[in-house]
Amino acid sequence: MADRHTPLELQVVDDVAGAALDVFLEVRPRTIQLSGGTTPMALYERMAEIADYPWPEVEAFFGDERCVPPEDGRSDVGMAMRALLSRVPALAYPIDGASCDADGYERTLRERFGDDLVFDLAIYGLGPDGHTASLFPGRPEAEITERWVVRVPEAGWEPFVPRVTLTIPALSATPLGVMLVAGDTKREPLRKVLAGEDIPAGRLHPERLLVLADPAAAAGIA
């Protein structure tokens, strides 16, 4: 179950990416955990336009990746590189999707953080089935707590390719997690997150969880 002591704040906004950009500029993170998806892509494109941000001090990590090379259109790493990381001088720590190397990314994180994994800011997505990163309902990877990174041999949502994903403890290792939720297909999983139901996205437990939802996703909820 989710940590019920995690403060959860819902904000209904017309422009989810714009509201997330405001949070980014307020927090001014140096280590950031990135998510895949259309709404995060819009955020990253706007982040790339901030020329006076101290980008050389920023380190970017990934919450998950599909097991495809970065030039594949399904790659979260490829999307983030095109939208943001090829346009600013930040240091990127990509997951190697081509080799589907979960062990390698765990080593990368432990070499960088030691035993104390903490991101300044984490960006989360929310799937229509309640998944976040590549942790899917009913899959054993959502139960793993002793590792930071695991391989997901069978995805529970399209595209149906294997994945590499951070686990719930690693995804939650931040003082502030921001969940971006847009569209009416996210209405039911959003309701479950807000109700504290046991879905993967509902298990996230950063110190503070800010949910930015558009009116279509929040209709009838807030």
Protein backbone atom coordinates (compact mmCIF):
# COMPACT_ATOMS: atom_id res chain seq x y z
CA MET A 1 0.00 0.00 0.00
CA ALA A 2 1.03 3.64 -0.39
CA ASP A 3 2.60 5.38 2.57
CA ARG A 4 -0.43 7.18 3.98
CA HIS A 5 1.88 9.69 5.70
CA THR A 6 3.06 11.03 2.34
CA PRO A 7 1.50 14.48 1.88
CA LEU A 8 -0.44 14.45 -1.39
CA GLU A 9 -1.53 17.67 -3.04
CA LEU A 10 -3.80 17.83 -6.09
CA GLN A 11 -3.75 20.88 -8.34
CA VAL A 12 -6.14 21.05 -11.30
CA VAL A 13 -4.54 23.15 -14.03
CA ASP A 14 -5.30 23.86 -17.66
CA ASP A 15 -1.65 23.55 -18.68
CA VAL A 16 -0.01 20.61 -16.91
CA ALA A 17 3.39 21.05 -18.55
CA GLY A 18 3.38 24.77 -17.78
CA ALA A 19 2.51 24.17 -14.13
CA ALA A 20 5.27 21.54 -13.90
CA LEU A 21 7.73 24.01 -15.40
CA ASP A 22 6.83 26.48 -12.66
CA VAL A 23 7.59 23.80 -10.05
CA PHE A 24 10.91 23.02 -11.72
CA LEU A 25 11.93 26.67 -11.62
CA GLU A 26 10.86 26.97 -7.99
CA VAL A 27 12.76 23.85 -6.85
CA ARG A 28 15.77 24.41 -9.15
CA PRO A 29 16.89 20.77 -8.89
CA ARG A 30 20.36 19.54 -9.65
CA THR A 31 19.45 15.84 -9.78
CA ILE A 32 16.21 14.98 -11.55
CA GLN A 33 14.43 11.74 -12.35
CA LEU A 34 12.72 11.86 -15.74
CA SER A 35 9.61 10.08 -16.96
CA GLY A 36 8.46 9.11 -20.42
CA GLY A 37 5.19 10.16 -22.02
CA THR A 38 3.58 12.92 -24.04
CA THR A 39 2.98 15.35 -21.19
CA PRO A 40 6.54 15.06 -19.81
CA MET A 41 7.82 15.62 -23.36
CA ALA A 42 5.99 18.95 -23.48
CA LEU A 43 7.59 19.83 -20.13
CA TYR A 44 11.08 18.90 -21.34
CA GLU A 45 10.70 20.99 -24.49
CA ARG A 46 9.88 24.01 -22.35
CA MET A 47 12.73 23.28 -19.95
CA ALA A 48 15.14 23.29 -22.89
CA GLU A 49 14.15 26.87 -23.65
CA ILE A 50 15.45 28.15 -20.29
CA ALA A 51 18.86 29.30 -21.48
CA ASP A 52 19.95 30.90 -18.19
CA TYR A 53 19.41 27.78 -16.05
CA PRO A 54 22.64 26.28 -14.59
CA TRP A 55 22.40 23.24 -16.84
CA PRO A 56 26.05 22.15 -16.43
CA GLU A 57 25.22 21.44 -12.77
CA VAL A 58 22.20 19.25 -13.62
CA GLU A 59 22.28 15.45 -13.66
CA ALA A 60 19.37 13.69 -15.36
CA PHE A 61 18.31 10.11 -14.55
CA PHE A 62 15.47 7.94 -15.84
CA GLY A 63 12.58 6.23 -14.11
CA ASP A 64 12.30 3.57 -16.80
CA GLU A 65 13.10 2.67 -20.39
CA ARG A 66 11.71 0.35 -23.04
CA CYS A 67 14.17 -2.30 -24.24
CA VAL A 68 14.79 -0.66 -27.59
CA PRO A 69 17.70 1.48 -28.85
CA PRO A 70 17.39 5.25 -28.28
CA GLU A 71 16.69 5.94 -31.95
CA ASP A 72 13.55 3.76 -31.75
CA GLY A 73 10.40 5.88 -31.53
CA ARG A 74 9.30 3.94 -28.44
CA SER A 75 12.39 4.90 -26.42
CA ASP A 76 11.85 7.14 -23.39
CA VAL A 77 15.56 7.97 -23.39
CA GLY A 78 15.44 8.93 -27.06
CA MET A 79 12.42 11.17 -26.44
CA ALA A 80 14.11 12.95 -23.53
CA MET A 81 17.31 13.37 -25.52
CA ARG A 82 15.48 14.96 -28.44
CA ALA A 83 13.25 17.16 -26.29
CA LEU A 84 15.78 18.27 -23.68
CA LEU A 85 19.11 16.59 -23.13
CA SER A 86 20.58 17.17 -26.60
CA ARG A 87 19.66 20.85 -26.28
CA VAL A 88 21.18 21.70 -22.90
CA PRO A 89 24.60 20.92 -21.35
CA ALA A 90 23.24 18.70 -18.56
CA LEU A 91 24.85 15.38 -17.65
CA ALA A 92 22.60 12.47 -18.64
CA TYR A 93 22.65 8.98 -17.13
CA PRO A 94 20.56 7.01 -19.68
CA ILE A 95 19.30 3.49 -19.18
CA ASP A 96 20.74 1.22 -21.87
CA GLY A 97 17.55 0.03 -23.50
CA ALA A 98 19.32 -1.72 -26.35
CA SER A 99 20.87 -4.22 -23.90
CA CYS A 100 17.95 -4.06 -21.42
CA ASP A 101 20.59 -3.80 -18.69
CA ALA A 102 18.89 -3.39 -15.31
CA ASP A 103 21.98 -4.51 -13.39
CA GLY A 104 24.07 -1.93 -15.21
CA TYR A 105 21.75 0.92 -14.28
CA GLU A 106 21.66 -0.22 -10.66
CA ARG A 107 25.47 -0.04 -10.68
CA THR A 108 25.32 3.40 -12.26
CA LEU A 109 23.04 4.70 -9.51
CA ARG A 110 25.09 3.13 -6.72
CA GLU A 111 28.34 4.49 -8.15
CA ARG A 112 26.82 7.97 -8.25
CA PHE A 113 24.83 7.97 -4.99
CA GLY A 114 26.42 5.27 -2.85
CA ASP A 115 23.80 3.80 -0.51
CA ASP A 116 21.86 7.08 -0.21
CA LEU A 117 19.77 7.49 -3.33
CA VAL A 118 18.05 10.88 -3.37
CA PHE A 119 16.85 12.86 -6.39
CA ASP A 120 16.10 16.56 -5.91
CA LEU A 121 12.97 16.15 -8.04
CA ALA A 122 11.16 13.22 -9.63
CA ILE A 123 8.69 13.42 -12.52
CA TYR A 124 6.07 10.65 -12.56
CA GLY A 125 3.58 9.48 -15.12
CA LEU A 126 0.28 7.68 -14.56
CA GLY A 127 -0.96 4.98 -16.91
CA PRO A 128 -4.65 4.29 -17.62
CA ASP A 129 -4.25 0.99 -15.76
CA GLY A 130 -2.56 2.62 -12.77
CA HIS A 131 1.03 1.86 -13.73
CA THR A 132 3.87 4.27 -13.14
CA ALA A 133 7.29 4.02 -14.80
CA SER A 134 7.18 0.35 -15.90
CA LEU A 135 5.60 -1.04 -12.73
CA PHE A 136 2.31 -2.62 -13.80
CA PRO A 137 -0.63 -3.86 -11.70
CA GLY A 138 -0.38 -7.56 -10.98
CA ARG A 139 3.26 -7.82 -12.04
CA PRO A 140 5.90 -8.98 -9.53
CA GLU A 141 8.23 -6.07 -10.24
CA ALA A 142 5.86 -3.75 -8.37
CA GLU A 143 6.53 -5.82 -5.21
CA ILE A 144 10.34 -5.63 -5.29
CA THR A 145 11.84 -3.45 -2.58
CA GLU A 146 15.38 -4.78 -2.13
CA ARG A 147 16.64 -3.44 -5.48
CA TRP A 148 16.65 -0.02 -7.12
CA VAL A 149 16.36 -1.24 -10.72
CA VAL A 150 14.73 -4.34 -12.21
CA ARG A 151 14.05 -5.79 -15.64
CA VAL A 152 10.41 -6.18 -16.65
CA PRO A 153 10.27 -9.10 -19.11
CA GLU A 154 6.60 -8.59 -19.94
CA ALA A 155 4.98 -5.18 -20.12
CA GLY A 156 1.41 -4.80 -18.90
CA TRP A 157 0.64 -1.93 -21.28
CA GLU A 158 1.57 -1.02 -24.83
CA PRO A 159 4.12 -0.93 -26.29
CA PHE A 160 4.47 -4.58 -25.32
CA VAL A 161 8.24 -4.72 -25.18
CA PRO A 162 10.41 -5.64 -22.16
CA ARG A 163 11.41 -2.76 -19.93
CA VAL A 164 13.92 -1.63 -17.32
CA THR A 165 12.42 0.28 -14.43
CA LEU A 166 13.25 1.78 -11.09
CA THR A 167 11.44 0.11 -8.20
CA ILE A 168 9.01 1.83 -5.85
CA PRO A 169 11.73 2.67 -3.27
CA ALA A 170 13.99 4.21 -5.93
CA LEU A 171 11.20 6.11 -7.66
CA SER A 172 10.16 7.49 -4.27
CA ALA A 173 13.65 8.62 -3.22
CA THR A 174 13.02 12.35 -3.45
CA PRO A 175 11.68 15.19 -1.32
CA LEU A 176 9.27 16.09 -4.13
CA GLY A 177 7.58 13.90 -6.71
CA VAL A 178 5.41 15.55 -9.35
CA MET A 179 2.84 13.37 -11.10
CA LEU A 180 1.66 14.69 -14.48
CA VAL A 181 -1.87 13.58 -15.36
CA ALA A 182 -3.68 14.63 -18.55
CA GLY A 183 -6.74 13.32 -20.39
CA ASP A 184 -9.93 11.51 -19.50
CA THR A 185 -8.30 8.06 -19.77
CA LYS A 186 -6.41 8.94 -16.57
CA ARG A 187 -9.54 9.81 -14.57
CA GLU A 188 -10.06 6.40 -12.96
CA PRO A 189 -6.40 5.78 -12.02
CA LEU A 190 -6.23 9.32 -10.64
CA ARG A 191 -9.26 8.60 -8.47
CA LYS A 192 -7.52 5.47 -7.18
CA VAL A 193 -4.32 7.35 -6.37
CA LEU A 194 -6.25 10.01 -4.47
CA ALA A 195 -8.24 7.33 -2.62
CA GLY A 196 -5.08 5.51 -1.59
CA GLU A 197 -5.99 2.34 -3.48
CA ASP A 198 -3.30 -0.26 -4.03
CA ILE A 199 -2.07 0.36 -7.56
CA PRO A 200 1.60 0.86 -8.45
CA ALA A 201 1.22 4.64 -8.84
CA GLY A 202 -0.52 4.74 -5.47
CA ARG A 203 2.48 3.16 -3.78
CA LEU A 204 4.83 6.02 -4.56
CA HIS A 205 5.93 7.68 -1.34
CA PRO A 206 8.17 10.70 -1.88
CA GLU A 207 8.32 13.08 1.04
CA ARG A 208 5.73 15.17 -0.81
CA LEU A 209 3.64 14.18 -3.83
CA LEU A 210 2.23 16.92 -6.04
CA VAL A 211 -0.34 15.79 -8.60
CA LEU A 212 -0.87 18.17 -11.52
CA ALA A 213 -4.02 17.16 -13.41
CA ASP A 214 -5.91 18.79 -16.23
CA PRO A 215 -9.70 19.26 -16.07
CA ALA A 216 -10.36 16.19 -18.23
CA ALA A 217 -8.46 13.93 -15.83
CA ALA A 218 -9.92 15.54 -12.71
CA ALA A 219 -13.55 15.74 -13.87
CA GLY A 220 -15.86 14.55 -11.13
CA ILE A 221 -12.94 14.09 -8.74
CA ALA A 222 -11.97 17.63 -7.75
